[in-house]
N, C-alpha and C. Protein backbone atom coordinates (compact mmCIF):
# COMPACT_ATOMS: atom_id res chain seq x y z
N MET A 1 0.82 -1.21 0.00
CA MET A 1 0.00 0.00 0.00
C MET A 1 0.86 1.26 0.00
N TRP A 2 1.95 1.22 0.76
CA TRP A 2 2.81 2.40 0.85
C TRP A 2 3.47 2.70 -0.49
N VAL A 3 3.71 1.65 -1.28
CA VAL A 3 4.30 1.86 -2.61
C VAL A 3 3.35 2.66 -3.49
N LEU A 4 2.06 2.33 -3.42
CA LEU A 4 1.06 3.06 -4.19
C LEU A 4 0.99 4.52 -3.76
N LYS A 5 1.09 4.76 -2.45
CA LYS A 5 1.08 6.14 -1.94
C LYS A 5 2.28 6.93 -2.45
N VAL A 6 3.44 6.28 -2.45
CA VAL A 6 4.65 6.94 -2.93
C VAL A 6 4.51 7.30 -4.41
N ILE A 7 3.95 6.37 -5.18
CA ILE A 7 3.75 6.62 -6.62
C ILE A 7 2.78 7.78 -6.84
N LEU A 8 1.67 7.77 -6.09
CA LEU A 8 0.69 8.85 -6.24
C LEU A 8 1.27 10.20 -5.83
N LEU A 9 2.03 10.22 -4.73
CA LEU A 9 2.65 11.46 -4.29
C LEU A 9 3.67 11.95 -5.30
N SER A 10 4.39 11.03 -5.91
CA SER A 10 5.38 11.40 -6.92
C SER A 10 4.71 12.00 -8.14
N ILE A 11 3.58 11.39 -8.54
CA ILE A 11 2.83 11.92 -9.68
C ILE A 11 2.30 13.31 -9.37
N LEU A 12 1.76 13.49 -8.18
CA LEU A 12 1.26 14.80 -7.78
C LEU A 12 2.36 15.84 -7.73
N PHE A 13 3.52 15.44 -7.23
CA PHE A 13 4.67 16.35 -7.16
C PHE A 13 5.11 16.78 -8.56
N LEU A 14 5.20 15.81 -9.47
CA LEU A 14 5.62 16.12 -10.83
C LEU A 14 4.60 17.01 -11.54
N PHE A 15 3.32 16.75 -11.28
CA PHE A 15 2.27 17.58 -11.87
C PHE A 15 2.35 19.01 -11.34
N ALA A 16 2.55 19.14 -10.05
CA ALA A 16 2.68 20.47 -9.45
C ALA A 16 3.91 21.19 -10.00
N LEU A 17 5.00 20.45 -10.16
CA LEU A 17 6.23 21.03 -10.70
C LEU A 17 6.00 21.51 -12.13
N LEU A 18 5.25 20.73 -12.90
CA LEU A 18 4.95 21.11 -14.27
C LEU A 18 4.12 22.40 -14.32
N ILE A 19 3.12 22.49 -13.47
CA ILE A 19 2.27 23.69 -13.42
C ILE A 19 3.09 24.92 -13.04
N VAL A 20 3.96 24.76 -12.03
CA VAL A 20 4.81 25.88 -11.61
C VAL A 20 5.75 26.29 -12.74
N SER A 21 6.29 25.32 -13.45
CA SER A 21 7.22 25.60 -14.55
C SER A 21 6.52 26.35 -15.68
N ILE A 22 5.32 25.88 -16.04
CA ILE A 22 4.57 26.54 -17.12
C ILE A 22 4.22 27.96 -16.73
N THR A 23 3.76 28.14 -15.49
CA THR A 23 3.40 29.48 -15.01
C THR A 23 4.61 30.40 -14.98
N SER A 24 5.74 29.88 -14.52
CA SER A 24 6.96 30.68 -14.43
C SER A 24 7.45 31.11 -15.81
N CYS A 25 7.38 30.21 -16.78
CA CYS A 25 7.81 30.54 -18.14
C CYS A 25 6.93 31.63 -18.73
N ASN A 26 5.63 31.55 -18.48
CA ASN A 26 4.72 32.58 -18.99
C ASN A 26 5.01 33.93 -18.35
N LEU A 27 5.24 33.94 -17.05
CA LEU A 27 5.55 35.19 -16.36
C LEU A 27 6.87 35.77 -16.85
N TRP A 28 7.85 34.93 -17.06
CA TRP A 28 9.16 35.35 -17.56
C TRP A 28 9.01 36.06 -18.91
N ILE A 29 8.27 35.45 -19.82
CA ILE A 29 8.09 36.03 -21.15
C ILE A 29 7.31 37.33 -21.07
N GLU A 30 6.27 37.37 -20.24
CA GLU A 30 5.48 38.59 -20.09
C GLU A 30 6.35 39.76 -19.62
N LEU A 31 7.10 39.54 -18.56
CA LEU A 31 7.88 40.62 -17.96
C LEU A 31 9.03 41.07 -18.86
N GLN A 32 9.61 40.15 -19.60
CA GLN A 32 10.77 40.48 -20.41
C GLN A 32 10.42 41.26 -21.68
N THR A 33 9.20 41.12 -22.16
CA THR A 33 8.89 41.66 -23.48
C THR A 33 7.82 42.76 -23.49
N GLN A 34 7.14 42.99 -22.39
CA GLN A 34 5.98 43.87 -22.41
C GLN A 34 6.29 45.32 -22.79
N ASP A 35 7.53 45.76 -22.60
CA ASP A 35 7.85 47.16 -22.88
C ASP A 35 8.27 47.39 -24.33
N ARG A 36 8.19 46.37 -25.16
CA ARG A 36 8.57 46.53 -26.57
C ARG A 36 7.42 46.20 -27.51
N LEU A 37 6.21 46.31 -27.00
CA LEU A 37 5.02 46.09 -27.80
C LEU A 37 4.33 47.43 -28.08
N TYR A 38 3.88 47.61 -29.31
CA TYR A 38 3.20 48.85 -29.70
C TYR A 38 1.85 48.52 -30.32
N SER A 39 0.87 49.33 -29.99
CA SER A 39 -0.46 49.19 -30.59
C SER A 39 -0.89 50.45 -31.33
N ASP A 40 -0.23 51.56 -31.02
CA ASP A 40 -0.55 52.85 -31.63
C ASP A 40 0.39 53.10 -32.81
N ILE A 41 -0.16 53.23 -33.99
CA ILE A 41 0.65 53.44 -35.19
C ILE A 41 1.48 54.71 -35.10
N ASN A 42 1.03 55.67 -34.32
CA ASN A 42 1.74 56.95 -34.22
C ASN A 42 2.98 56.88 -33.33
N THR A 43 3.06 55.88 -32.47
CA THR A 43 4.19 55.81 -31.54
C THR A 43 5.20 54.72 -31.90
N VAL A 44 4.83 53.81 -32.79
CA VAL A 44 5.75 52.73 -33.14
C VAL A 44 6.93 53.29 -33.93
N PRO A 45 8.17 52.93 -33.57
CA PRO A 45 9.34 53.41 -34.31
C PRO A 45 9.37 52.89 -35.74
N THR A 46 10.07 53.59 -36.59
CA THR A 46 10.23 53.18 -37.98
C THR A 46 11.35 52.13 -38.08
N LYS A 47 11.10 51.07 -38.80
CA LYS A 47 12.07 50.00 -39.03
C LYS A 47 12.09 49.66 -40.51
N LYS A 48 13.05 48.84 -40.91
CA LYS A 48 13.12 48.46 -42.32
C LYS A 48 12.09 47.42 -42.70
N ILE A 49 11.94 46.40 -41.86
CA ILE A 49 11.15 45.23 -42.24
C ILE A 49 10.05 44.93 -41.24
N ALA A 50 8.88 44.58 -41.77
CA ALA A 50 7.83 44.01 -40.95
C ALA A 50 7.86 42.50 -41.15
N LEU A 51 8.09 41.77 -40.07
CA LEU A 51 8.03 40.30 -40.13
C LEU A 51 6.60 39.89 -39.79
N LEU A 52 5.86 39.52 -40.79
CA LEU A 52 4.46 39.11 -40.63
C LEU A 52 4.41 37.61 -40.37
N LEU A 53 3.97 37.23 -39.19
CA LEU A 53 3.93 35.82 -38.81
C LEU A 53 2.65 35.16 -39.31
N GLY A 54 2.81 34.02 -39.93
CA GLY A 54 1.70 33.37 -40.61
C GLY A 54 0.78 32.57 -39.72
N THR A 55 -0.40 32.35 -40.22
CA THR A 55 -1.39 31.45 -39.62
C THR A 55 -2.35 31.04 -40.72
N VAL A 56 -3.17 30.05 -40.46
CA VAL A 56 -4.10 29.56 -41.47
C VAL A 56 -5.08 30.67 -41.86
N LYS A 57 -5.39 30.75 -43.17
CA LYS A 57 -6.27 31.81 -43.65
C LYS A 57 -7.73 31.53 -43.33
N ARG A 58 -8.16 30.30 -43.55
CA ARG A 58 -9.57 29.96 -43.34
C ARG A 58 -9.73 28.88 -42.29
N LEU A 59 -10.79 29.00 -41.53
CA LEU A 59 -11.11 28.01 -40.52
C LEU A 59 -11.80 26.81 -41.16
N LYS A 60 -12.03 25.77 -40.39
CA LYS A 60 -12.58 24.53 -40.93
C LYS A 60 -13.93 24.72 -41.59
N HIS A 61 -14.73 25.65 -41.07
CA HIS A 61 -16.06 25.87 -41.65
C HIS A 61 -16.02 26.85 -42.83
N GLY A 62 -14.82 27.32 -43.19
CA GLY A 62 -14.67 28.15 -44.39
C GLY A 62 -14.57 29.63 -44.17
N ASP A 63 -14.88 30.12 -42.97
CA ASP A 63 -14.79 31.55 -42.70
C ASP A 63 -13.34 31.99 -42.59
N ILE A 64 -13.10 33.28 -42.86
CA ILE A 64 -11.76 33.84 -42.70
C ILE A 64 -11.35 33.77 -41.23
N ASN A 65 -10.13 33.35 -40.99
CA ASN A 65 -9.57 33.33 -39.64
C ASN A 65 -9.29 34.76 -39.19
N SER A 66 -9.90 35.17 -38.10
CA SER A 66 -9.73 36.55 -37.63
C SER A 66 -8.27 36.86 -37.30
N TYR A 67 -7.53 35.90 -36.78
CA TYR A 67 -6.12 36.13 -36.50
C TYR A 67 -5.38 36.50 -37.78
N PHE A 68 -5.66 35.80 -38.84
CA PHE A 68 -5.04 36.07 -40.14
C PHE A 68 -5.42 37.47 -40.62
N GLN A 69 -6.71 37.78 -40.64
CA GLN A 69 -7.18 39.05 -41.16
C GLN A 69 -6.63 40.24 -40.37
N TYR A 70 -6.61 40.11 -39.05
CA TYR A 70 -6.13 41.22 -38.23
C TYR A 70 -4.62 41.44 -38.41
N ARG A 71 -3.88 40.39 -38.65
CA ARG A 71 -2.43 40.55 -38.90
C ARG A 71 -2.19 41.24 -40.23
N ILE A 72 -2.99 40.87 -41.23
CA ILE A 72 -2.88 41.55 -42.52
C ILE A 72 -3.20 43.03 -42.37
N ASP A 73 -4.27 43.36 -41.67
CA ASP A 73 -4.67 44.75 -41.46
C ASP A 73 -3.59 45.55 -40.75
N ALA A 74 -2.96 44.95 -39.73
CA ALA A 74 -1.91 45.65 -38.98
C ALA A 74 -0.69 45.90 -39.86
N THR A 75 -0.34 44.93 -40.68
CA THR A 75 0.83 45.08 -41.56
C THR A 75 0.59 46.15 -42.61
N VAL A 76 -0.60 46.17 -43.16
CA VAL A 76 -0.97 47.20 -44.14
C VAL A 76 -0.88 48.58 -43.49
N LYS A 77 -1.36 48.69 -42.28
CA LYS A 77 -1.32 49.96 -41.56
C LYS A 77 0.12 50.43 -41.38
N LEU A 78 1.02 49.52 -41.02
CA LEU A 78 2.43 49.87 -40.85
C LEU A 78 3.03 50.38 -42.16
N TYR A 79 2.79 49.65 -43.23
CA TYR A 79 3.38 50.02 -44.52
C TYR A 79 2.85 51.36 -45.02
N LYS A 80 1.55 51.53 -44.96
CA LYS A 80 0.95 52.76 -45.49
C LYS A 80 1.28 53.98 -44.63
N ALA A 81 1.64 53.75 -43.37
CA ALA A 81 2.05 54.85 -42.50
C ALA A 81 3.54 55.16 -42.64
N GLY A 82 4.23 54.41 -43.50
CA GLY A 82 5.66 54.63 -43.71
C GLY A 82 6.53 54.12 -42.58
N LYS A 83 6.00 53.22 -41.78
CA LYS A 83 6.76 52.69 -40.65
C LYS A 83 7.71 51.56 -41.06
N VAL A 84 7.44 50.93 -42.20
CA VAL A 84 8.33 49.90 -42.74
C VAL A 84 8.40 50.08 -44.25
N SER A 85 9.50 49.61 -44.84
CA SER A 85 9.64 49.72 -46.30
C SER A 85 9.53 48.37 -46.99
N HIS A 86 9.49 47.30 -46.20
CA HIS A 86 9.38 45.98 -46.81
C HIS A 86 8.68 45.04 -45.83
N ILE A 87 8.03 44.02 -46.39
CA ILE A 87 7.30 43.04 -45.59
C ILE A 87 7.83 41.65 -45.89
N LEU A 88 8.21 40.92 -44.85
CA LEU A 88 8.60 39.52 -44.98
C LEU A 88 7.46 38.68 -44.42
N ALA A 89 6.73 38.01 -45.30
CA ALA A 89 5.61 37.16 -44.89
C ALA A 89 6.14 35.75 -44.67
N SER A 90 6.17 35.34 -43.42
CA SER A 90 6.79 34.06 -43.07
C SER A 90 5.76 33.09 -42.53
N GLY A 91 5.67 31.93 -43.16
CA GLY A 91 4.71 30.94 -42.71
C GLY A 91 5.02 29.57 -43.26
N SER A 92 4.11 28.65 -43.05
CA SER A 92 4.32 27.26 -43.43
C SER A 92 3.81 26.98 -44.85
N ASN A 93 4.56 26.14 -45.54
CA ASN A 93 4.16 25.65 -46.86
C ASN A 93 4.52 24.16 -46.90
N HIS A 94 3.95 23.42 -45.93
CA HIS A 94 4.38 22.03 -45.75
C HIS A 94 3.74 21.06 -46.74
N THR A 95 2.72 21.49 -47.47
CA THR A 95 2.17 20.67 -48.55
C THR A 95 1.81 21.59 -49.71
N SER A 96 1.55 20.98 -50.87
CA SER A 96 1.19 21.77 -52.05
C SER A 96 -0.20 22.39 -51.91
N TYR A 97 -0.97 21.95 -50.91
CA TYR A 97 -2.32 22.46 -50.71
C TYR A 97 -2.40 23.47 -49.55
N TYR A 98 -1.28 23.74 -48.91
CA TYR A 98 -1.29 24.63 -47.75
C TYR A 98 -0.13 25.61 -47.88
N ASN A 99 -0.43 26.88 -48.08
CA ASN A 99 0.63 27.85 -48.35
C ASN A 99 0.31 29.18 -47.68
N GLU A 100 0.74 29.32 -46.44
CA GLU A 100 0.48 30.56 -45.70
C GLU A 100 1.13 31.78 -46.35
N PRO A 101 2.40 31.71 -46.79
CA PRO A 101 3.02 32.91 -47.38
C PRO A 101 2.27 33.44 -48.61
N ILE A 102 1.85 32.53 -49.49
CA ILE A 102 1.10 32.97 -50.68
C ILE A 102 -0.22 33.60 -50.28
N ASP A 103 -0.90 33.00 -49.32
CA ASP A 103 -2.17 33.57 -48.85
C ASP A 103 -1.97 34.98 -48.30
N MET A 104 -0.88 35.17 -47.55
CA MET A 104 -0.59 36.49 -46.99
C MET A 104 -0.27 37.49 -48.09
N LYS A 105 0.52 37.06 -49.06
CA LYS A 105 0.88 37.97 -50.16
C LYS A 105 -0.37 38.41 -50.92
N LYS A 106 -1.25 37.49 -51.25
CA LYS A 106 -2.47 37.83 -51.98
C LYS A 106 -3.33 38.81 -51.18
N ALA A 107 -3.43 38.56 -49.87
CA ALA A 107 -4.23 39.44 -49.02
C ALA A 107 -3.62 40.83 -48.91
N LEU A 108 -2.30 40.91 -48.84
CA LEU A 108 -1.61 42.21 -48.77
C LEU A 108 -1.78 43.00 -50.07
N ILE A 109 -1.62 42.31 -51.19
CA ILE A 109 -1.77 42.98 -52.49
C ILE A 109 -3.20 43.48 -52.66
N ALA A 110 -4.16 42.68 -52.21
CA ALA A 110 -5.57 43.10 -52.30
C ALA A 110 -5.84 44.35 -51.49
N LYS A 111 -4.99 44.62 -50.49
CA LYS A 111 -5.14 45.81 -49.64
C LYS A 111 -4.28 46.97 -50.14
N GLY A 112 -3.64 46.79 -51.31
CA GLY A 112 -2.90 47.90 -51.90
C GLY A 112 -1.40 47.89 -51.69
N ILE A 113 -0.85 46.82 -51.13
CA ILE A 113 0.60 46.74 -50.95
C ILE A 113 1.23 46.27 -52.25
N PRO A 114 2.24 46.97 -52.78
CA PRO A 114 2.88 46.55 -54.04
C PRO A 114 3.61 45.21 -53.88
N ALA A 115 3.54 44.38 -54.89
CA ALA A 115 4.14 43.05 -54.84
C ALA A 115 5.64 43.12 -54.58
N GLN A 116 6.31 44.15 -55.11
CA GLN A 116 7.76 44.26 -54.94
C GLN A 116 8.16 44.60 -53.51
N ALA A 117 7.19 44.97 -52.69
CA ALA A 117 7.48 45.29 -51.28
C ALA A 117 7.28 44.07 -50.38
N ILE A 118 7.04 42.92 -50.98
CA ILE A 118 6.76 41.70 -50.21
C ILE A 118 7.74 40.60 -50.59
N THR A 119 8.34 39.99 -49.58
CA THR A 119 9.18 38.81 -49.77
C THR A 119 8.57 37.67 -48.97
N LEU A 120 8.62 36.46 -49.52
CA LEU A 120 7.99 35.31 -48.88
C LEU A 120 9.04 34.36 -48.30
N ASP A 121 8.77 33.91 -47.10
CA ASP A 121 9.57 32.86 -46.47
C ASP A 121 8.67 31.65 -46.30
N TYR A 122 8.94 30.62 -47.10
CA TYR A 122 8.09 29.43 -47.10
C TYR A 122 8.46 28.43 -46.00
N ALA A 123 9.53 28.72 -45.27
CA ALA A 123 10.00 27.76 -44.25
C ALA A 123 9.79 28.30 -42.83
N GLY A 124 8.79 29.16 -42.66
CA GLY A 124 8.46 29.65 -41.32
C GLY A 124 7.52 28.68 -40.63
N PHE A 125 8.01 27.47 -40.40
CA PHE A 125 7.16 26.41 -39.85
C PHE A 125 6.73 26.69 -38.42
N ARG A 126 7.59 27.38 -37.67
CA ARG A 126 7.28 27.75 -36.30
C ARG A 126 7.74 29.17 -36.08
N THR A 127 7.34 29.75 -34.97
CA THR A 127 7.75 31.11 -34.65
C THR A 127 9.27 31.21 -34.58
N LEU A 128 9.90 30.22 -33.97
CA LEU A 128 11.36 30.22 -33.87
C LEU A 128 11.99 30.28 -35.26
N ASP A 129 11.49 29.46 -36.17
CA ASP A 129 12.03 29.44 -37.53
C ASP A 129 11.87 30.80 -38.20
N SER A 130 10.69 31.39 -38.07
CA SER A 130 10.42 32.68 -38.71
C SER A 130 11.35 33.77 -38.20
N VAL A 131 11.53 33.83 -36.89
CA VAL A 131 12.35 34.88 -36.29
C VAL A 131 13.82 34.72 -36.68
N VAL A 132 14.34 33.53 -36.54
CA VAL A 132 15.76 33.30 -36.84
C VAL A 132 16.03 33.48 -38.32
N ARG A 133 15.17 32.95 -39.17
CA ARG A 133 15.39 33.06 -40.61
C ARG A 133 15.28 34.51 -41.09
N CYS A 134 14.44 35.30 -40.45
CA CYS A 134 14.34 36.71 -40.82
C CYS A 134 15.70 37.39 -40.70
N LYS A 135 16.40 37.12 -39.62
CA LYS A 135 17.70 37.75 -39.39
C LYS A 135 18.80 37.07 -40.22
N GLU A 136 18.86 35.75 -40.18
CA GLU A 136 20.00 35.03 -40.76
C GLU A 136 19.91 34.86 -42.27
N ILE A 137 18.71 34.73 -42.81
CA ILE A 137 18.56 34.45 -44.23
C ILE A 137 18.14 35.67 -45.03
N PHE A 138 17.22 36.46 -44.50
CA PHE A 138 16.62 37.51 -45.30
C PHE A 138 17.12 38.91 -45.00
N SER A 139 17.04 39.34 -43.77
CA SER A 139 17.23 40.76 -43.49
C SER A 139 18.67 41.15 -43.19
N GLN A 140 19.39 40.27 -42.49
CA GLN A 140 20.73 40.61 -41.98
C GLN A 140 20.71 41.95 -41.24
N THR A 141 19.60 42.22 -40.57
CA THR A 141 19.46 43.48 -39.84
C THR A 141 18.59 43.27 -38.61
N ASP A 142 18.73 44.16 -37.64
CA ASP A 142 17.87 44.14 -36.46
C ASP A 142 16.70 45.09 -36.61
N ASN A 143 16.58 45.74 -37.76
CA ASN A 143 15.49 46.70 -37.99
C ASN A 143 14.20 45.97 -38.31
N ILE A 144 13.65 45.29 -37.31
CA ILE A 144 12.51 44.41 -37.53
C ILE A 144 11.34 44.78 -36.62
N ILE A 145 10.16 44.85 -37.21
CA ILE A 145 8.92 44.94 -36.44
C ILE A 145 8.17 43.63 -36.66
N ILE A 146 7.95 42.88 -35.61
CA ILE A 146 7.20 41.63 -35.71
C ILE A 146 5.71 41.94 -35.59
N VAL A 147 4.92 41.37 -36.48
CA VAL A 147 3.48 41.65 -36.50
C VAL A 147 2.70 40.37 -36.21
N SER A 148 1.95 40.42 -35.13
CA SER A 148 1.04 39.35 -34.76
C SER A 148 0.16 39.86 -33.61
N GLN A 149 -0.64 38.97 -33.04
CA GLN A 149 -1.41 39.35 -31.86
C GLN A 149 -0.48 39.52 -30.67
N PRO A 150 -0.87 40.28 -29.64
CA PRO A 150 0.01 40.55 -28.50
C PRO A 150 0.61 39.31 -27.86
N PHE A 151 -0.20 38.28 -27.63
CA PHE A 151 0.31 37.08 -26.96
C PHE A 151 1.41 36.42 -27.79
N HIS A 152 1.25 36.44 -29.11
CA HIS A 152 2.22 35.81 -30.00
C HIS A 152 3.47 36.68 -30.14
N ASN A 153 3.27 37.99 -30.22
CA ASN A 153 4.40 38.91 -30.31
C ASN A 153 5.35 38.75 -29.12
N LYS A 154 4.80 38.55 -27.94
CA LYS A 154 5.64 38.41 -26.76
C LYS A 154 6.57 37.19 -26.87
N ARG A 155 6.02 36.09 -27.34
CA ARG A 155 6.86 34.89 -27.50
C ARG A 155 7.90 35.11 -28.59
N ALA A 156 7.50 35.77 -29.67
CA ALA A 156 8.43 36.04 -30.76
C ALA A 156 9.57 36.95 -30.30
N LEU A 157 9.25 37.95 -29.48
CA LEU A 157 10.28 38.84 -28.96
C LEU A 157 11.21 38.11 -27.99
N PHE A 158 10.66 37.20 -27.22
CA PHE A 158 11.46 36.40 -26.30
C PHE A 158 12.48 35.58 -27.08
N ILE A 159 12.05 35.00 -28.18
CA ILE A 159 12.96 34.24 -29.05
C ILE A 159 14.00 35.19 -29.66
N SER A 160 13.55 36.37 -30.07
CA SER A 160 14.48 37.36 -30.64
C SER A 160 15.57 37.71 -29.64
N ASP A 161 15.20 37.90 -28.38
CA ASP A 161 16.18 38.24 -27.35
C ASP A 161 17.25 37.16 -27.23
N PHE A 162 16.84 35.92 -27.27
CA PHE A 162 17.79 34.81 -27.15
C PHE A 162 18.83 34.86 -28.26
N TYR A 163 18.40 35.27 -29.45
CA TYR A 163 19.31 35.32 -30.60
C TYR A 163 19.88 36.73 -30.83
N ASN A 164 19.75 37.58 -29.82
CA ASN A 164 20.31 38.94 -29.88
C ASN A 164 19.79 39.74 -31.07
N ILE A 165 18.52 39.58 -31.35
CA ILE A 165 17.85 40.35 -32.40
C ILE A 165 17.05 41.45 -31.72
N GLN A 166 17.36 42.69 -32.05
CA GLN A 166 16.73 43.83 -31.38
C GLN A 166 15.41 44.19 -32.05
N ALA A 167 14.44 43.30 -31.95
CA ALA A 167 13.14 43.51 -32.59
C ALA A 167 12.16 44.20 -31.64
N ILE A 168 11.10 44.73 -32.24
CA ILE A 168 9.96 45.22 -31.48
C ILE A 168 8.71 44.55 -32.06
N GLY A 169 7.58 44.70 -31.39
CA GLY A 169 6.35 44.09 -31.88
C GLY A 169 5.26 45.11 -32.11
N PHE A 170 4.53 44.95 -33.19
CA PHE A 170 3.34 45.77 -33.45
C PHE A 170 2.14 44.85 -33.34
N ASN A 171 1.23 45.20 -32.46
CA ASN A 171 0.11 44.32 -32.14
C ASN A 171 -1.03 44.42 -33.15
N ALA A 172 -1.35 43.28 -33.73
CA ALA A 172 -2.59 43.17 -34.49
C ALA A 172 -3.74 43.09 -33.50
N LYS A 173 -4.92 43.41 -33.96
CA LYS A 173 -6.10 43.31 -33.11
C LYS A 173 -6.25 41.90 -32.58
N ASP A 174 -6.58 41.77 -31.32
CA ASP A 174 -6.74 40.46 -30.71
C ASP A 174 -8.14 39.92 -30.96
N VAL A 175 -8.29 38.62 -30.80
CA VAL A 175 -9.59 37.97 -30.95
C VAL A 175 -10.19 37.79 -29.56
N LEU A 176 -11.46 38.11 -29.43
CA LEU A 176 -12.12 38.03 -28.13
C LEU A 176 -12.13 36.60 -27.60
N LEU A 177 -11.99 36.47 -26.28
CA LEU A 177 -11.99 35.15 -25.66
C LEU A 177 -13.27 34.38 -25.94
N ARG A 178 -14.38 35.09 -26.04
CA ARG A 178 -15.66 34.41 -26.29
C ARG A 178 -15.69 33.78 -27.68
N ASP A 179 -14.83 34.28 -28.58
CA ASP A 179 -14.76 33.72 -29.93
C ASP A 179 -13.69 32.65 -30.06
N ASP A 180 -12.71 32.67 -29.17
CA ASP A 180 -11.64 31.67 -29.24
C ASP A 180 -10.94 31.59 -27.89
N ILE A 181 -11.20 30.52 -27.16
CA ILE A 181 -10.54 30.30 -25.87
C ILE A 181 -9.38 29.33 -26.00
N LYS A 182 -9.37 28.53 -27.08
CA LYS A 182 -8.36 27.49 -27.21
C LYS A 182 -6.96 28.07 -27.47
N THR A 183 -6.88 29.10 -28.30
CA THR A 183 -5.56 29.65 -28.64
C THR A 183 -4.83 30.23 -27.44
N PRO A 184 -5.48 31.04 -26.58
CA PRO A 184 -4.77 31.52 -25.38
C PRO A 184 -4.31 30.40 -24.46
N ILE A 185 -5.08 29.33 -24.37
CA ILE A 185 -4.67 28.20 -23.54
C ILE A 185 -3.45 27.51 -24.15
N ARG A 186 -3.49 27.31 -25.47
CA ARG A 186 -2.35 26.69 -26.15
C ARG A 186 -1.10 27.55 -26.02
N GLU A 187 -1.28 28.88 -25.94
CA GLU A 187 -0.14 29.77 -25.83
C GLU A 187 0.66 29.53 -24.56
N TYR A 188 -0.02 29.19 -23.46
CA TYR A 188 0.69 28.87 -22.22
C TYR A 188 1.65 27.73 -22.45
N LEU A 189 1.20 26.71 -23.14
CA LEU A 189 2.05 25.56 -23.42
C LEU A 189 3.13 25.91 -24.44
N ALA A 190 2.78 26.76 -25.41
CA ALA A 190 3.75 27.16 -26.43
C ALA A 190 4.91 27.94 -25.81
N ARG A 191 4.61 28.75 -24.81
CA ARG A 191 5.68 29.51 -24.15
C ARG A 191 6.59 28.60 -23.35
N PHE A 192 6.01 27.64 -22.70
CA PHE A 192 6.80 26.64 -21.97
C PHE A 192 7.71 25.90 -22.95
N LYS A 193 7.14 25.52 -24.10
CA LYS A 193 7.92 24.83 -25.13
C LYS A 193 9.02 25.73 -25.67
N ALA A 194 8.75 27.02 -25.80
CA ALA A 194 9.76 27.95 -26.30
C ALA A 194 10.97 28.00 -25.38
N VAL A 195 10.73 28.04 -24.07
CA VAL A 195 11.84 28.05 -23.11
C VAL A 195 12.62 26.75 -23.20
N LEU A 196 11.93 25.63 -23.31
CA LEU A 196 12.61 24.34 -23.47
C LEU A 196 13.45 24.32 -24.74
N ASP A 197 12.87 24.79 -25.84
CA ASP A 197 13.58 24.80 -27.12
C ASP A 197 14.86 25.62 -27.05
N LEU A 198 14.76 26.79 -26.42
CA LEU A 198 15.90 27.71 -26.41
C LEU A 198 16.98 27.31 -25.41
N TYR A 199 16.58 26.97 -24.21
CA TYR A 199 17.55 26.82 -23.11
C TYR A 199 17.88 25.37 -22.77
N ILE A 200 17.04 24.43 -23.17
CA ILE A 200 17.29 23.03 -22.82
C ILE A 200 17.58 22.19 -24.06
N LEU A 201 16.67 22.22 -25.01
CA LEU A 201 16.80 21.37 -26.19
C LEU A 201 17.72 21.97 -27.26
N LYS A 202 17.95 23.29 -27.20
CA LYS A 202 18.79 23.99 -28.19
C LYS A 202 18.26 23.75 -29.61
N THR A 203 16.96 23.84 -29.77
CA THR A 203 16.32 23.59 -31.06
C THR A 203 16.71 24.65 -32.09
N GLN A 204 17.01 24.19 -33.30
CA GLN A 204 17.38 25.07 -34.39
C GLN A 204 16.26 25.10 -35.44
N PRO A 205 16.24 26.12 -36.29
CA PRO A 205 15.26 26.13 -37.38
C PRO A 205 15.40 24.88 -38.24
N LYS A 206 14.29 24.43 -38.79
CA LYS A 206 14.31 23.22 -39.61
C LYS A 206 15.17 23.41 -40.84
N PHE A 207 15.10 24.61 -41.45
CA PHE A 207 15.91 24.92 -42.63
C PHE A 207 16.54 26.29 -42.46
N LEU A 208 17.76 26.44 -42.94
CA LEU A 208 18.38 27.76 -43.08
C LEU A 208 18.70 27.97 -44.56
N GLY A 209 19.90 27.57 -45.00
CA GLY A 209 20.18 27.65 -46.44
C GLY A 209 20.84 28.95 -46.85
N GLU A 210 20.78 29.22 -48.16
CA GLU A 210 21.44 30.40 -48.73
C GLU A 210 20.72 31.68 -48.33
N LYS A 211 21.52 32.75 -48.21
CA LYS A 211 20.95 34.05 -47.88
C LYS A 211 20.18 34.61 -49.08
N VAL A 212 19.13 35.35 -48.76
CA VAL A 212 18.29 35.97 -49.80
C VAL A 212 18.36 37.47 -49.63
N LYS A 213 18.75 38.17 -50.70
CA LYS A 213 18.89 39.62 -50.62
C LYS A 213 17.53 40.28 -50.87
N ILE A 214 17.13 41.13 -49.94
CA ILE A 214 15.87 41.87 -50.08
C ILE A 214 16.15 43.20 -50.76
N ASN A 215 15.35 43.51 -51.76
CA ASN A 215 15.47 44.78 -52.47
C ASN A 215 14.56 45.80 -51.78
N PHE A 216 15.17 46.83 -51.16
CA PHE A 216 14.41 47.83 -50.43
C PHE A 216 14.00 49.01 -51.30
N ASN A 217 14.26 48.94 -52.59
CA ASN A 217 13.91 50.07 -53.46
C ASN A 217 12.41 50.12 -53.69
């Protein structure tokens, strides 16, 4: 009987440790990045590149994903306000039927952004990949504004800090909790995973490859 008690206590201890670890990682990311987020187009500093982080364009029932649309709107606002001169749309293209970068480019052009002001990164499979590849493959600069929802921007900036990338974040409009509760919950786990990837697992981007020169003209 005592063996069973020891096992149960061990499981409870490990569960408690996991909860504390997840909570601590979230607090760490919040505190480290909150002073580099901007929501007002008039106060955000001017940078060379907007790194637009990808997500699925349409939901399962066919409606436009609000996260996608709000990120497009925020990026358009940055470009038209003269806050950036180029947009790097980074997302996943893991099958011939799923192409986040192309979807973002089409949506940006439909909003009046010239095609020559957009570069696509098809290997932005995760936030870590998008952030690192922006610096190492495409921009070779720290003049980066990351565009996503606030919760996502914080994790992206945390990753940027680890790689000594002096980025800032411009917040796209957030989605109300009543419309989507799953994504904020998943973000808690994603932040925990980000800390593991950076400090424990030393995870690298899936692909790097040859450098791509961006034309800022």
